[in-house]
């Protein structure tokens, strides 16, 4: 599958995280998986009570508000935990899953949910690394960015572009998309515009 949209949100409202799990099946988070300040119980319950830097990415697939606060290596401030699908194999934890207390101090401030489409939806997918990246670039209002690809034309020499993706760090960003043909590598806007008018919208 291929991600078609992603949604970033903070942990300020736990109800939002739970709703995102119900709507999209899981949410992706980062936390500190290995540090002397982590408290594990039987590799199934984790509570890190210190805000260490996260070092591991996993998917939250559920939750239980009734997991006792004392189920972890040390007692958490309250009950409840996220059900986490780990990437270390089904030999670990509860067949590859574990419980992460709601109060884990190493949780990154943001979590992400994704829409997906079948990977065979398009004949060709053009991208650089397939991720959202690990950093961001600030642009002033009205600035533009461009990406340059060499298309893999069909037998008749044509290829229709069905979809274009963009990703922004902030919500409610107005965007305008145009596609150019035979553009100069250094001056992409010198190419022939293929859309009669740009596609516009708001993230």
C-alpha atoms as a PDB file:
ATOM      1  CA  UNK A   1       0.000   0.000   0.000  1.00  0.00           C
ATOM      2  CA  UNK A   2       0.949   3.651  -0.431  1.00  0.00           C
ATOM      3  CA  UNK A   3       0.113   6.499   1.959  1.00  0.00           C
ATOM      4  CA  UNK A   4      -2.178   9.063   0.352  1.00  0.00           C
ATOM      5  CA  UNK A   5      -2.654  11.399   3.302  1.00  0.00           C
ATOM      6  CA  UNK A   6      -1.122  11.758   6.727  1.00  0.00           C
ATOM      7  CA  UNK A   7      -2.397  13.491   9.828  1.00  0.00           C
ATOM      8  CA  UNK A   8      -0.131  14.756  12.569  1.00  0.00           C
ATOM      9  CA  UNK A   9      -1.487  15.618  15.995  1.00  0.00           C
ATOM     10  CA  UNK A  10      -0.260  16.151  19.535  1.00  0.00           C
ATOM     11  CA  UNK A  11      -1.090  14.252  22.710  1.00  0.00           C
ATOM     12  CA  UNK A  12      -2.918  17.219  24.260  1.00  0.00           C
ATOM     13  CA  UNK A  13      -6.249  15.434  23.844  1.00  0.00           C
ATOM     14  CA  UNK A  14      -6.131  11.662  24.356  1.00  0.00           C
ATOM     15  CA  UNK A  15      -9.609  11.334  22.873  1.00  0.00           C
ATOM     16  CA  UNK A  16      -8.230  12.512  19.523  1.00  0.00           C
ATOM     17  CA  UNK A  17      -5.597   9.756  19.541  1.00  0.00           C
ATOM     18  CA  UNK A  18      -8.235   7.121  20.323  1.00  0.00           C
ATOM     19  CA  UNK A  19     -10.491   8.419  17.559  1.00  0.00           C
ATOM     20  CA  UNK A  20      -7.615   8.337  15.070  1.00  0.00           C
ATOM     21  CA  UNK A  21      -6.952   4.683  15.948  1.00  0.00           C
ATOM     22  CA  UNK A  22     -10.604   3.871  15.321  1.00  0.00           C
ATOM     23  CA  UNK A  23     -10.685   5.839  12.060  1.00  0.00           C
ATOM     24  CA  UNK A  24      -7.367   4.687  10.568  1.00  0.00           C
ATOM     25  CA  UNK A  25      -6.536   1.418  12.362  1.00  0.00           C
ATOM     26  CA  UNK A  26      -3.353   2.606  14.051  1.00  0.00           C
ATOM     27  CA  UNK A  27      -1.211   5.627  14.828  1.00  0.00           C
ATOM     28  CA  UNK A  28       2.567   5.872  14.655  1.00  0.00           C
ATOM     29  CA  UNK A  29       4.575   7.181  17.594  1.00  0.00           C
ATOM     30  CA  UNK A  30       8.150   7.387  18.855  1.00  0.00           C
ATOM     31  CA  UNK A  31       9.305   6.696  22.410  1.00  0.00           C
ATOM     32  CA  UNK A  32      12.413   5.668  24.346  1.00  0.00           C
ATOM     33  CA  UNK A  33      12.631   1.881  24.133  1.00  0.00           C
ATOM     34  CA  UNK A  34      15.945   1.276  25.857  1.00  0.00           C
ATOM     35  CA  UNK A  35      17.428   3.305  28.687  1.00  0.00           C
ATOM     36  CA  UNK A  36      18.329   2.734  32.303  1.00  0.00           C
ATOM     37  CA  UNK A  37      15.327   4.871  33.276  1.00  0.00           C
ATOM     38  CA  UNK A  38      12.879   2.523  31.546  1.00  0.00           C
ATOM     39  CA  UNK A  39      10.827   0.184  33.669  1.00  0.00           C
ATOM     40  CA  UNK A  40       9.730  -3.065  32.081  1.00  0.00           C
ATOM     41  CA  UNK A  41       7.711  -5.895  33.544  1.00  0.00           C
ATOM     42  CA  UNK A  42       7.952  -9.246  31.763  1.00  0.00           C
ATOM     43  CA  UNK A  43       8.673  -7.391  28.466  1.00  0.00           C
ATOM     44  CA  UNK A  44       4.963  -6.674  28.300  1.00  0.00           C
ATOM     45  CA  UNK A  45       4.469  -3.441  30.258  1.00  0.00           C
ATOM     46  CA  UNK A  46       6.639  -0.328  29.894  1.00  0.00           C
ATOM     47  CA  UNK A  47       6.793   2.889  31.840  1.00  0.00           C
ATOM     48  CA  UNK A  48       9.630   5.384  31.314  1.00  0.00           C
ATOM     49  CA  UNK A  49       9.229   8.031  33.996  1.00  0.00           C
ATOM     50  CA  UNK A  50      11.949  10.336  32.613  1.00  0.00           C
ATOM     51  CA  UNK A  51      11.617  12.406  29.420  1.00  0.00           C
ATOM     52  CA  UNK A  52      14.471  10.704  27.576  1.00  0.00           C
ATOM     53  CA  UNK A  53      14.859  11.293  23.843  1.00  0.00           C
ATOM     54  CA  UNK A  54      12.853   8.819  21.796  1.00  0.00           C
ATOM     55  CA  UNK A  55      14.811   6.135  19.952  1.00  0.00           C
ATOM     56  CA  UNK A  56      12.209   3.740  18.563  1.00  0.00           C
ATOM     57  CA  UNK A  57       9.131   4.022  16.314  1.00  0.00           C
ATOM     58  CA  UNK A  58       6.109   1.749  16.733  1.00  0.00           C
ATOM     59  CA  UNK A  59       2.390   1.616  15.983  1.00  0.00           C
ATOM     60  CA  UNK A  60      -0.366   1.984  18.563  1.00  0.00           C
ATOM     61  CA  UNK A  61      -3.279  -0.279  17.627  1.00  0.00           C
ATOM     62  CA  UNK A  62      -5.499  -0.044  20.706  1.00  0.00           C
ATOM     63  CA  UNK A  63      -5.801   0.884  24.348  1.00  0.00           C
ATOM     64  CA  UNK A  64      -7.178  -0.235  27.696  1.00  0.00           C
ATOM     65  CA  UNK A  65      -8.186   2.350  30.300  1.00  0.00           C
ATOM     66  CA  UNK A  66      -8.226  -0.351  32.976  1.00  0.00           C
ATOM     67  CA  UNK A  67      -4.597  -1.523  32.914  1.00  0.00           C
ATOM     68  CA  UNK A  68      -3.618  -0.956  36.586  1.00  0.00           C
ATOM     69  CA  UNK A  69      -1.053   1.700  37.414  1.00  0.00           C
ATOM     70  CA  UNK A  70       1.038  -0.938  39.230  1.00  0.00           C
ATOM     71  CA  UNK A  71       1.209  -3.281  36.200  1.00  0.00           C
ATOM     72  CA  UNK A  72       4.537  -1.739  35.157  1.00  0.00           C
ATOM     73  CA  UNK A  73       8.008  -2.039  36.618  1.00  0.00           C
ATOM     74  CA  UNK A  74       7.176   0.911  38.854  1.00  0.00           C
ATOM     75  CA  UNK A  75       3.775   2.378  39.583  1.00  0.00           C
ATOM     76  CA  UNK A  76       2.558   4.859  36.973  1.00  0.00           C
ATOM     77  CA  UNK A  77       0.666   8.023  37.994  1.00  0.00           C
ATOM     78  CA  UNK A  78      -2.600   6.430  36.925  1.00  0.00           C
ATOM     79  CA  UNK A  79      -4.240   3.500  35.120  1.00  0.00           C
ATOM     80  CA  UNK A  80      -4.473   2.937  31.392  1.00  0.00           C
ATOM     81  CA  UNK A  81      -2.094   1.955  28.585  1.00  0.00           C
ATOM     82  CA  UNK A  82      -1.698   1.892  24.833  1.00  0.00           C
ATOM     83  CA  UNK A  83      -1.534  -1.464  23.041  1.00  0.00           C
ATOM     84  CA  UNK A  84       1.618  -1.237  20.899  1.00  0.00           C
ATOM     85  CA  UNK A  85       2.640  -3.390  17.938  1.00  0.00           C
ATOM     86  CA  UNK A  86       6.408  -3.625  18.057  1.00  0.00           C
ATOM     87  CA  UNK A  87       8.864  -4.551  15.293  1.00  0.00           C
ATOM     88  CA  UNK A  88      11.031  -7.023  17.212  1.00  0.00           C
ATOM     89  CA  UNK A  89       9.176 -10.182  16.211  1.00  0.00           C
ATOM     90  CA  UNK A  90       6.364 -12.246  17.725  1.00  0.00           C
ATOM     91  CA  UNK A  91       8.769 -14.002  20.082  1.00  0.00           C
ATOM     92  CA  UNK A  92       8.953 -10.833  22.182  1.00  0.00           C
ATOM     93  CA  UNK A  93       6.377  -9.456  24.607  1.00  0.00           C
ATOM     94  CA  UNK A  94       2.846 -10.662  24.009  1.00  0.00           C
ATOM     95  CA  UNK A  95       3.444 -12.172  20.540  1.00  0.00           C
ATOM     96  CA  UNK A  96       5.078  -8.929  19.424  1.00  0.00           C
ATOM     97  CA  UNK A  97       2.785  -6.553  21.302  1.00  0.00           C
ATOM     98  CA  UNK A  98       3.162  -4.731  24.615  1.00  0.00           C
ATOM     99  CA  UNK A  99       1.404  -2.187  26.817  1.00  0.00           C
ATOM    100  CA  UNK A 100       2.813   1.346  27.093  1.00  0.00           C
ATOM    101  CA  UNK A 101       1.406   3.401  29.944  1.00  0.00           C
ATOM    102  CA  UNK A 102      -0.476   6.576  29.070  1.00  0.00           C
ATOM    103  CA  UNK A 103       2.025   8.367  31.318  1.00  0.00           C
ATOM    104  CA  UNK A 104       5.251   7.363  29.588  1.00  0.00           C
ATOM    105  CA  UNK A 105       7.412  10.492  29.735  1.00  0.00           C
ATOM    106  CA  UNK A 106       9.466   9.621  26.659  1.00  0.00           C
ATOM    107  CA  UNK A 107       6.549   9.738  24.204  1.00  0.00           C
ATOM    108  CA  UNK A 108       7.224  12.220  21.397  1.00  0.00           C
ATOM    109  CA  UNK A 109       4.797  15.132  21.408  1.00  0.00           C
ATOM    110  CA  UNK A 110       3.357  14.180  18.010  1.00  0.00           C
ATOM    111  CA  UNK A 111       1.682  11.101  16.567  1.00  0.00           C
ATOM    112  CA  UNK A 112       0.649  10.329  13.009  1.00  0.00           C
ATOM    113  CA  UNK A 113      -2.166   8.520  11.214  1.00  0.00           C
ATOM    114  CA  UNK A 114      -2.302   7.591   7.528  1.00  0.00           C
ATOM    115  CA  UNK A 115      -4.722   6.987   4.697  1.00  0.00           C
ATOM    116  CA  UNK A 116      -3.554   4.323   2.263  1.00  0.00           C
ATOM    117  CA  UNK A 117      -4.308   3.247  -1.278  1.00  0.00           C
ATOM    118  CA  UNK A 118      -3.415   0.036  -3.083  1.00  0.00           C
ATOM    119  CA  UNK A 119       0.171   0.086  -4.360  1.00  0.00           C
ATOM    120  CA  UNK A 120      -1.068  -1.061  -7.789  1.00  0.00           C
ATOM    121  CA  UNK A 121      -3.350   1.948  -8.225  1.00  0.00           C
ATOM    122  CA  UNK A 122      -0.788   3.683 -10.451  1.00  0.00           C
ATOM    123  CA  UNK A 123       1.554   2.324 -13.123  1.00  0.00           C
ATOM    124  CA  UNK A 124       4.469   4.456 -11.901  1.00  0.00           C
ATOM    125  CA  UNK A 125       5.189   6.193  -8.613  1.00  0.00           C
ATOM    126  CA  UNK A 126       7.808   8.919  -8.576  1.00  0.00           C
ATOM    127  CA  UNK A 127       9.348   9.817  -5.243  1.00  0.00           C
ATOM    128  CA  UNK A 128      12.708  10.345  -3.595  1.00  0.00           C
ATOM    129  CA  UNK A 129      12.629   8.373  -0.352  1.00  0.00           C
ATOM    130  CA  UNK A 130       9.015   7.481   0.302  1.00  0.00           C
ATOM    131  CA  UNK A 131       8.922   9.147   3.702  1.00  0.00           C
ATOM    132  CA  UNK A 132       7.900  12.409   5.257  1.00  0.00           C
ATOM    133  CA  UNK A 133      11.530  13.240   5.926  1.00  0.00           C
ATOM    134  CA  UNK A 134      13.275  13.909   9.191  1.00  0.00           C
ATOM    135  CA  UNK A 135      13.429  17.703   8.968  1.00  0.00           C
ATOM    136  CA  UNK A 136      11.570  20.596   7.421  1.00  0.00           C
ATOM    137  CA  UNK A 137      12.326  23.815   5.564  1.00  0.00           C
ATOM    138  CA  UNK A 138      10.584  27.076   6.376  1.00  0.00           C
ATOM    139  CA  UNK A 139       9.244  29.013   3.384  1.00  0.00           C
ATOM    140  CA  UNK A 140       7.835  32.544   3.321  1.00  0.00           C
ATOM    141  CA  UNK A 141       4.310  33.201   2.110  1.00  0.00           C
ATOM    142  CA  UNK A 142       4.166  32.938  -1.681  1.00  0.00           C
ATOM    143  CA  UNK A 143       7.347  30.885  -2.068  1.00  0.00           C
ATOM    144  CA  UNK A 144       7.430  27.862  -4.369  1.00  0.00           C
ATOM    145  CA  UNK A 145       9.237  24.549  -4.452  1.00  0.00           C
ATOM    146  CA  UNK A 146       9.628  22.109  -7.326  1.00  0.00           C
ATOM    147  CA  UNK A 147      10.508  18.477  -7.910  1.00  0.00           C
ATOM    148  CA  UNK A 148      12.063  17.213 -11.129  1.00  0.00           C
ATOM    149  CA  UNK A 149      11.364  13.702 -12.476  1.00  0.00           C
ATOM    150  CA  UNK A 150      11.931  11.877 -15.744  1.00  0.00           C
ATOM    151  CA  UNK A 151       8.675  10.111 -16.578  1.00  0.00           C
ATOM    152  CA  UNK A 152       8.514   6.509 -17.781  1.00  0.00           C
ATOM    153  CA  UNK A 153       6.258   7.026 -20.784  1.00  0.00           C
ATOM    154  CA  UNK A 154       3.859   4.357 -22.011  1.00  0.00           C
ATOM    155  CA  UNK A 155       4.247   2.609 -25.389  1.00  0.00           C
ATOM    156  CA  UNK A 156       2.448   5.446 -27.165  1.00  0.00           C
ATOM    157  CA  UNK A 157       4.830   7.987 -25.654  1.00  0.00           C
ATOM    158  CA  UNK A 158       2.364   9.490 -23.172  1.00  0.00           C
ATOM    159  CA  UNK A 159       1.830   9.221 -19.460  1.00  0.00           C
ATOM    160  CA  UNK A 160      -1.082  10.705 -17.553  1.00  0.00           C
ATOM    161  CA  UNK A 161      -0.340  12.092 -14.100  1.00  0.00           C
ATOM    162  CA  UNK A 162      -3.230  11.093 -11.833  1.00  0.00           C
ATOM    163  CA  UNK A 163      -1.996  12.277  -8.470  1.00  0.00           C
ATOM    164  CA  UNK A 164       0.521  14.645  -6.878  1.00  0.00           C
ATOM    165  CA  UNK A 165       1.442  14.653  -3.197  1.00  0.00           C
ATOM    166  CA  UNK A 166       2.584  17.490  -0.972  1.00  0.00           C
ATOM    167  CA  UNK A 167       3.330  17.536   2.745  1.00  0.00           C
ATOM    168  CA  UNK A 168       3.433  20.503   5.089  1.00  0.00           C
ATOM    169  CA  UNK A 169       4.493  20.770   8.706  1.00  0.00           C
ATOM    170  CA  UNK A 170       1.623  23.131   9.542  1.00  0.00           C
ATOM    171  CA  UNK A 171      -2.129  22.674   8.946  1.00  0.00           C
ATOM    172  CA  UNK A 172      -4.340  25.019   6.904  1.00  0.00           C
ATOM    173  CA  UNK A 173      -1.643  25.788   4.313  1.00  0.00           C
ATOM    174  CA  UNK A 174      -2.934  27.119   0.988  1.00  0.00           C
ATOM    175  CA  UNK A 175      -1.243  25.448  -1.981  1.00  0.00           C
ATOM    176  CA  UNK A 176      -1.195  25.753  -5.763  1.00  0.00           C
ATOM    177  CA  UNK A 177       0.081  22.898  -7.965  1.00  0.00           C
ATOM    178  CA  UNK A 178       1.181  23.134 -11.593  1.00  0.00           C
ATOM    179  CA  UNK A 179       2.897  20.521 -13.763  1.00  0.00           C
ATOM    180  CA  UNK A 180       5.542  21.558 -16.275  1.00  0.00           C
ATOM    181  CA  UNK A 181       6.868  19.616 -19.265  1.00  0.00           C
ATOM    182  CA  UNK A 182      10.436  19.817 -20.579  1.00  0.00           C
ATOM    183  CA  UNK A 183      11.503  22.150 -17.816  1.00  0.00           C
ATOM    184  CA  UNK A 184      15.080  23.292 -17.408  1.00  0.00           C
ATOM    185  CA  UNK A 185      16.655  21.512 -14.432  1.00  0.00           C
ATOM    186  CA  UNK A 186      17.622  24.788 -12.747  1.00  0.00           C
ATOM    187  CA  UNK A 187      14.560  26.814 -13.774  1.00  0.00           C
ATOM    188  CA  UNK A 188      11.634  24.420 -13.611  1.00  0.00           C
ATOM    189  CA  UNK A 189       9.049  27.119 -14.239  1.00  0.00           C
ATOM    190  CA  UNK A 190      10.496  27.675 -17.731  1.00  0.00           C
ATOM    191  CA  UNK A 191       8.775  24.496 -18.870  1.00  0.00           C
ATOM    192  CA  UNK A 192       5.447  24.163 -20.633  1.00  0.00           C
ATOM    193  CA  UNK A 193       2.555  24.275 -18.108  1.00  0.00           C
ATOM    194  CA  UNK A 194       0.285  21.268 -18.656  1.00  0.00           C
ATOM    195  CA  UNK A 195      -2.695  22.358 -16.567  1.00  0.00           C
ATOM    196  CA  UNK A 196      -4.915  25.144 -17.904  1.00  0.00           C
ATOM    197  CA  UNK A 197      -4.881  26.503 -14.361  1.00  0.00           C
ATOM    198  CA  UNK A 198      -3.134  25.326 -11.204  1.00  0.00           C
ATOM    199  CA  UNK A 199      -4.890  22.979  -8.799  1.00  0.00           C
ATOM    200  CA  UNK A 200      -5.401  24.842  -5.526  1.00  0.00           C
ATOM    201  CA  UNK A 201      -6.567  23.892  -2.064  1.00  0.00           C
ATOM    202  CA  UNK A 202      -5.905  24.014   1.669  1.00  0.00           C
ATOM    203  CA  UNK A 203      -4.296  21.233   3.694  1.00  0.00           C
END
